[in-house]
Amino acid sequence: MQKVTSMHLVFSKYQGTGNDFIMLDNLDGKYNDLSIDQIKFLCDRRFGIGADGLIKLNAVQNFAFEVDYYNSDGSKSFCGNGARCSVAFAETLGIDVAKLQFWAIDGKHKAEKKDDLVYLEMQAVKHIELHEKNAILDTGSPHFVSCVEDLSTINIVELGKLIRYSDTFKKEGINVNAMEIEGMNAIRLLTYERGVEDETLSCGTGATAAALVYGAIENLIGSHTVDVHVKGGDLKVAFTRNEVGAFDRIQLIGPAVFVFNGEIEC
């Protein structure tokens, strides 16, 4: 893999239910010139550090920081688990994380860290496009959610590629989720992520999307919390749904875990 001008990086590695990220303190702008090729190298699991994505915490006026997120292929999107890990990382930089607001590609978010959990406010979702057992919606990133009877029968990589590279979605890409309803307010989830182009152990915007689809399928009205079980652990999604089916006060709740610190030339 071709590398460009060498840069020395000091980084931290975090994971949120198995969704892993390289975290860079860029509050002083020292990594502003990090290239897409360098990001791809750093995220490569054989030649670099290895991660589903890379996050630069940038300084931005009127907010605690900006979550500048890159998928492992260098493309940009919003990442729920990455944002939660950013809050945990920010605490190590001396930022007050009891309650804060940060900026991301999809706008402003509120978040707070309490004990070992990060509570992340997601953007409101006014509409879900439902097609029998399938749904399309945007929770900061676009998601296709398929409700299935038995998750053990699903090859999420095959399904994900079939949908993501279909004529409908191949230009912009879409994340693909297979959801099994486990019981009252409990679902299991598999996710294929665009930008990683593979299955990930967890996806925060996917967990949020699936929980909202569950709420729409069950026609839940009022405030609810859904347990979302993913391969990498457990998340919770809280939301309020009104009489016309719009969702607000959406929170993605789960752990954000430090893995290790390191330095690398790239």
Protein backbone atom coordinates (compact mmCIF):
# COMPACT_ATOMS: atom_id res chain seq x y z
CA MET A 1 0.00 0.00 0.00
CA GLN A 2 1.52 3.29 -1.13
CA LYS A 3 2.22 5.85 1.58
CA VAL A 4 2.73 9.59 1.17
CA THR A 5 4.80 12.10 3.16
CA SER A 6 5.76 10.54 6.50
CA MET A 7 4.03 11.75 9.65
CA HIS A 8 4.57 10.76 13.28
CA LEU A 9 1.28 10.03 15.06
CA VAL A 10 0.47 9.60 18.73
CA PHE A 11 -2.84 7.76 18.96
CA SER A 12 -5.26 5.94 21.22
CA LYS A 13 -7.33 2.90 20.31
CA TYR A 14 -10.92 2.62 21.57
CA GLN A 15 -13.77 0.22 20.94
CA GLY A 16 -17.51 0.42 21.46
CA THR A 17 -19.07 -3.07 21.56
CA GLY A 18 -16.37 -4.31 19.21
CA ASN A 19 -16.55 -1.38 16.77
CA ASP A 20 -12.94 -0.14 16.95
CA PHE A 21 -11.39 3.23 16.23
CA ILE A 22 -8.08 5.05 16.04
CA MET A 23 -8.40 8.29 18.01
CA LEU A 24 -6.26 11.36 17.30
CA ASP A 25 -6.04 14.51 19.42
CA ASN A 26 -6.13 17.15 16.71
CA LEU A 27 -7.28 20.04 18.88
CA ASP A 28 -4.15 21.96 17.88
CA GLY A 29 -4.44 21.01 14.19
CA LYS A 30 -1.25 18.98 14.01
CA TYR A 31 -2.93 16.23 11.98
CA ASN A 32 -4.82 18.51 9.59
CA ASP A 33 -2.73 17.28 6.67
CA LEU A 34 -3.33 13.57 7.29
CA SER A 35 -4.20 12.16 3.88
CA ILE A 36 -6.82 9.61 2.84
CA ASP A 37 -4.02 7.20 1.85
CA GLN A 38 -2.53 7.54 5.33
CA ILE A 39 -5.93 6.93 6.93
CA LYS A 40 -6.37 3.77 4.83
CA PHE A 41 -2.91 2.60 5.89
CA LEU A 42 -3.55 3.25 9.58
CA CYS A 43 -6.87 1.38 9.52
CA ASP A 44 -5.42 -1.60 7.63
CA ARG A 45 -5.42 -4.65 9.93
CA ARG A 46 -2.31 -6.18 8.36
CA PHE A 47 -0.06 -3.24 7.54
CA GLY A 48 -1.25 -0.54 9.96
CA ILE A 49 -2.85 -0.30 13.39
CA GLY A 50 -6.14 -1.84 12.31
CA ALA A 51 -9.58 -0.31 12.90
CA ASP A 52 -13.07 0.12 11.48
CA GLY A 53 -12.42 3.85 11.35
CA LEU A 54 -10.28 6.82 12.37
CA ILE A 55 -11.42 9.88 14.31
CA LYS A 56 -9.76 13.25 14.64
CA LEU A 57 -10.98 15.41 17.52
CA ASN A 58 -10.80 18.90 16.06
CA ALA A 59 -11.25 22.27 17.72
CA VAL A 60 -14.43 24.03 16.63
CA GLN A 61 -15.97 27.26 17.89
CA ASN A 62 -18.89 27.05 20.33
CA PHE A 63 -18.57 23.26 20.79
CA ALA A 64 -16.41 21.02 22.97
CA PHE A 65 -14.88 19.53 19.81
CA GLU A 66 -15.63 18.21 16.33
CA VAL A 67 -15.84 14.47 15.69
CA ASP A 68 -14.12 14.19 12.31
CA TYR A 69 -14.82 10.56 11.38
CA TYR A 70 -13.36 8.50 8.52
CA ASN A 71 -14.32 4.96 7.56
CA SER A 72 -11.45 2.54 6.98
CA ASP A 73 -11.65 3.22 3.22
CA GLY A 74 -11.24 6.97 3.84
CA SER A 75 -14.86 7.92 3.19
CA LYS A 76 -16.69 10.14 5.69
CA SER A 77 -19.94 9.65 7.58
CA PHE A 78 -21.40 9.94 11.05
CA CYS A 79 -20.59 7.05 13.39
CA GLY A 80 -22.57 6.52 16.59
CA ASN A 81 -20.13 4.20 18.32
CA GLY A 82 -17.23 6.34 17.15
CA ALA A 83 -18.90 9.42 18.60
CA ARG A 84 -19.40 7.65 21.93
CA CYS A 85 -15.72 6.64 21.94
CA SER A 86 -14.81 10.23 21.13
CA VAL A 87 -16.52 11.38 24.33
CA ALA A 88 -14.53 8.85 26.38
CA PHE A 89 -11.30 9.89 24.63
CA ALA A 90 -12.10 13.58 25.21
CA GLU A 91 -12.22 12.92 28.94
CA THR A 92 -8.53 11.90 28.83
CA LEU A 93 -7.76 15.26 27.18
CA GLY A 94 -9.21 17.14 30.15
CA ILE A 95 -12.59 17.94 28.58
CA ASP A 96 -15.60 17.90 30.92
CA VAL A 97 -17.80 15.05 29.66
CA ALA A 98 -20.51 15.23 32.33
CA LYS A 99 -22.55 17.12 29.71
CA LEU A 100 -21.27 18.51 26.45
CA GLN A 101 -22.13 19.39 22.87
CA PHE A 102 -19.96 18.42 19.92
CA TRP A 103 -20.14 18.95 16.18
CA ALA A 104 -20.18 16.16 13.56
CA ILE A 105 -20.85 15.75 9.85
CA ASP A 106 -24.62 15.55 10.51
CA GLY A 107 -24.74 18.53 12.86
CA LYS A 108 -24.63 19.08 16.61
CA HIS A 109 -25.01 16.36 19.23
CA LYS A 110 -25.36 16.34 22.99
CA ALA A 111 -23.61 13.64 25.01
CA GLU A 112 -22.68 12.73 28.54
CA LYS A 113 -20.52 10.08 30.16
CA LYS A 114 -21.82 8.50 33.35
CA ASP A 115 -19.70 5.80 34.96
CA ASP A 116 -18.76 3.41 32.13
CA LEU A 117 -21.55 4.39 29.75
CA VAL A 118 -21.81 7.15 27.16
CA TYR A 119 -25.25 8.59 26.39
CA LEU A 120 -25.31 10.05 22.89
CA GLU A 121 -28.18 12.14 21.56
CA MET A 122 -28.95 11.27 17.95
CA GLN A 123 -30.73 13.38 15.35
CA ALA A 124 -34.52 13.20 15.18
CA VAL A 125 -35.97 10.84 12.56
CA LYS A 126 -39.23 12.05 11.04
CA HIS A 127 -39.77 9.30 8.47
CA ILE A 128 -39.08 5.60 7.97
CA GLU A 129 -39.67 4.10 4.55
CA LEU A 130 -41.32 0.74 5.28
CA HIS A 131 -41.67 -2.03 2.69
CA GLU A 132 -43.24 -5.09 4.34
CA LYS A 133 -40.31 -6.51 6.37
CA ASN A 134 -37.72 -4.05 5.05
CA ALA A 135 -37.10 -0.43 5.96
CA ILE A 136 -34.90 2.46 4.84
CA LEU A 137 -34.00 5.39 7.09
CA ASP A 138 -31.20 7.78 7.97
CA THR A 139 -29.80 7.98 11.51
CA GLY A 140 -26.77 10.08 10.62
CA SER A 141 -25.84 7.43 8.06
CA PRO A 142 -28.25 5.69 5.67
CA HIS A 143 -29.48 2.24 6.70
CA PHE A 144 -31.41 -0.63 5.15
CA VAL A 145 -32.99 -2.80 7.86
CA SER A 146 -34.41 -6.23 7.10
CA CYS A 147 -36.54 -7.94 9.77
CA VAL A 148 -35.85 -11.70 9.70
CA GLU A 149 -37.20 -14.71 11.58
CA ASP A 150 -33.86 -16.37 12.39
CA LEU A 151 -30.62 -14.38 12.41
CA SER A 152 -28.53 -17.58 12.43
CA THR A 153 -29.60 -18.28 8.83
CA ILE A 154 -28.33 -14.92 7.54
CA ASN A 155 -24.96 -14.39 5.84
CA ILE A 156 -24.76 -10.66 6.47
CA VAL A 157 -21.78 -10.12 4.14
CA GLU A 158 -23.60 -11.72 1.20
CA LEU A 159 -26.83 -9.89 1.99
CA GLY A 160 -25.00 -6.64 2.62
CA LYS A 161 -23.13 -6.70 -0.68
CA LEU A 162 -26.26 -7.70 -2.60
CA ILE A 163 -28.14 -4.64 -1.32
CA ARG A 164 -25.28 -2.17 -0.98
CA TYR A 165 -24.07 -2.76 -4.58
CA SER A 166 -27.54 -2.98 -6.12
CA ASP A 167 -28.45 -0.42 -8.78
CA THR A 168 -30.48 1.48 -6.18
CA PHE A 169 -27.67 2.00 -3.67
CA LYS A 170 -24.31 1.39 -5.33
CA LYS A 171 -23.57 5.07 -6.06
CA GLU A 172 -23.99 6.47 -2.54
CA GLY A 173 -23.80 3.18 -0.62
CA ILE A 174 -25.94 2.08 2.30
CA ASN A 175 -25.41 0.17 5.54
CA VAL A 176 -27.32 -3.11 5.69
CA ASN A 177 -28.77 -4.60 8.88
CA ALA A 178 -30.53 -7.89 9.58
CA MET A 179 -32.72 -7.68 12.68
CA GLU A 180 -34.40 -10.44 14.67
CA ILE A 181 -37.02 -9.50 17.26
CA GLU A 182 -36.06 -11.35 20.45
CA GLY A 183 -38.91 -10.28 22.66
CA MET A 184 -40.56 -7.18 24.08
CA ASN A 185 -38.22 -4.23 23.48
CA ALA A 186 -35.31 -6.55 22.61
CA ILE A 187 -33.70 -7.22 19.23
CA ARG A 188 -30.59 -8.90 17.83
CA LEU A 189 -28.65 -7.34 14.99
CA LEU A 190 -26.06 -8.06 12.30
CA THR A 191 -24.58 -5.19 10.27
CA TYR A 192 -22.69 -4.79 7.02
CA GLU A 193 -21.09 -1.33 6.91
CA ARG A 194 -20.38 0.70 3.81
CA GLY A 195 -16.93 2.26 4.03
CA VAL A 196 -15.66 -0.84 5.82
CA GLU A 197 -17.32 -3.04 3.15
CA ASP A 198 -17.61 -5.93 5.56
CA GLU A 199 -19.44 -7.05 8.66
CA THR A 200 -18.63 -5.12 11.83
CA LEU A 201 -19.20 -6.40 15.36
CA SER A 202 -21.36 -3.38 16.09
CA CYS A 203 -22.74 -0.25 14.45
CA GLY A 204 -24.18 2.58 16.52
CA THR A 205 -26.23 4.22 13.78
CA GLY A 206 -27.35 0.72 12.74
CA ALA A 207 -28.44 -0.17 16.26
CA THR A 208 -30.36 3.10 16.38
CA ALA A 209 -31.96 2.47 12.99
CA ALA A 210 -33.01 -1.07 13.92
CA ALA A 211 -34.49 0.04 17.26
CA LEU A 212 -36.56 2.71 15.51
CA VAL A 213 -37.74 0.21 12.89
CA TYR A 214 -38.76 -2.08 15.74
CA GLY A 215 -40.69 0.82 17.26
CA ALA A 216 -42.44 1.44 13.95
CA ILE A 217 -43.27 -2.25 13.41
CA GLU A 218 -44.71 -2.55 16.92
CA ASN A 219 -46.38 0.87 16.61
CA LEU A 220 -44.90 2.03 19.91
CA ILE A 221 -46.11 5.43 21.06
CA GLY A 222 -44.45 7.48 23.79
CA SER A 223 -41.06 6.86 25.41
CA HIS A 224 -39.36 3.47 25.15
CA THR A 225 -35.95 1.83 25.49
CA VAL A 226 -34.92 -1.06 23.26
CA ASP A 227 -32.13 -3.51 24.11
CA VAL A 228 -29.98 -4.13 21.04
CA HIS A 229 -27.75 -7.22 21.12
CA VAL A 230 -24.87 -7.15 18.63
CA LYS A 231 -21.92 -9.49 18.16
CA GLY A 232 -19.67 -7.16 20.16
CA GLY A 233 -21.94 -6.68 23.16
CA ASP A 234 -25.07 -4.84 24.21
CA LEU A 235 -26.42 -1.37 23.43
CA LYS A 236 -29.59 0.46 24.39
CA VAL A 237 -31.57 2.88 22.26
CA ALA A 238 -34.07 5.19 23.95
CA PHE A 239 -36.58 7.21 21.96
CA THR A 240 -39.93 8.96 21.97
CA ARG A 241 -42.36 8.29 19.10
CA ASN A 242 -45.37 10.51 18.50
CA GLU A 243 -48.79 9.74 17.03
CA VAL A 244 -47.70 10.46 13.46
CA GLY A 245 -44.71 8.13 13.71
CA ALA A 246 -41.87 10.64 14.10
CA PHE A 247 -39.00 9.89 16.52
CA ASP A 248 -37.14 12.34 18.73
CA ARG A 249 -35.21 12.36 22.03
CA ILE A 250 -33.22 9.49 20.58
CA GLN A 251 -30.27 8.29 22.66
CA LEU A 252 -27.67 5.65 21.84
CA ILE A 253 -26.35 4.24 25.12
CA GLY A 254 -23.41 1.92 25.63
CA PRO A 255 -19.80 1.41 26.70
CA ALA A 256 -16.76 3.12 25.19
CA VAL A 257 -13.63 1.21 26.14
CA PHE A 258 -9.95 2.24 26.01
CA VAL A 259 -7.76 -0.44 24.38
CA PHE A 260 -4.23 0.96 24.15
CA ASN A 261 -2.04 3.98 23.33
CA GLY A 262 0.68 3.97 20.71
CA GLU A 263 2.87 5.83 18.27
CA ILE A 264 3.40 5.13 14.58
CA GLU A 265 5.06 6.56 11.47
CA CYS A 266 2.81 6.71 8.46
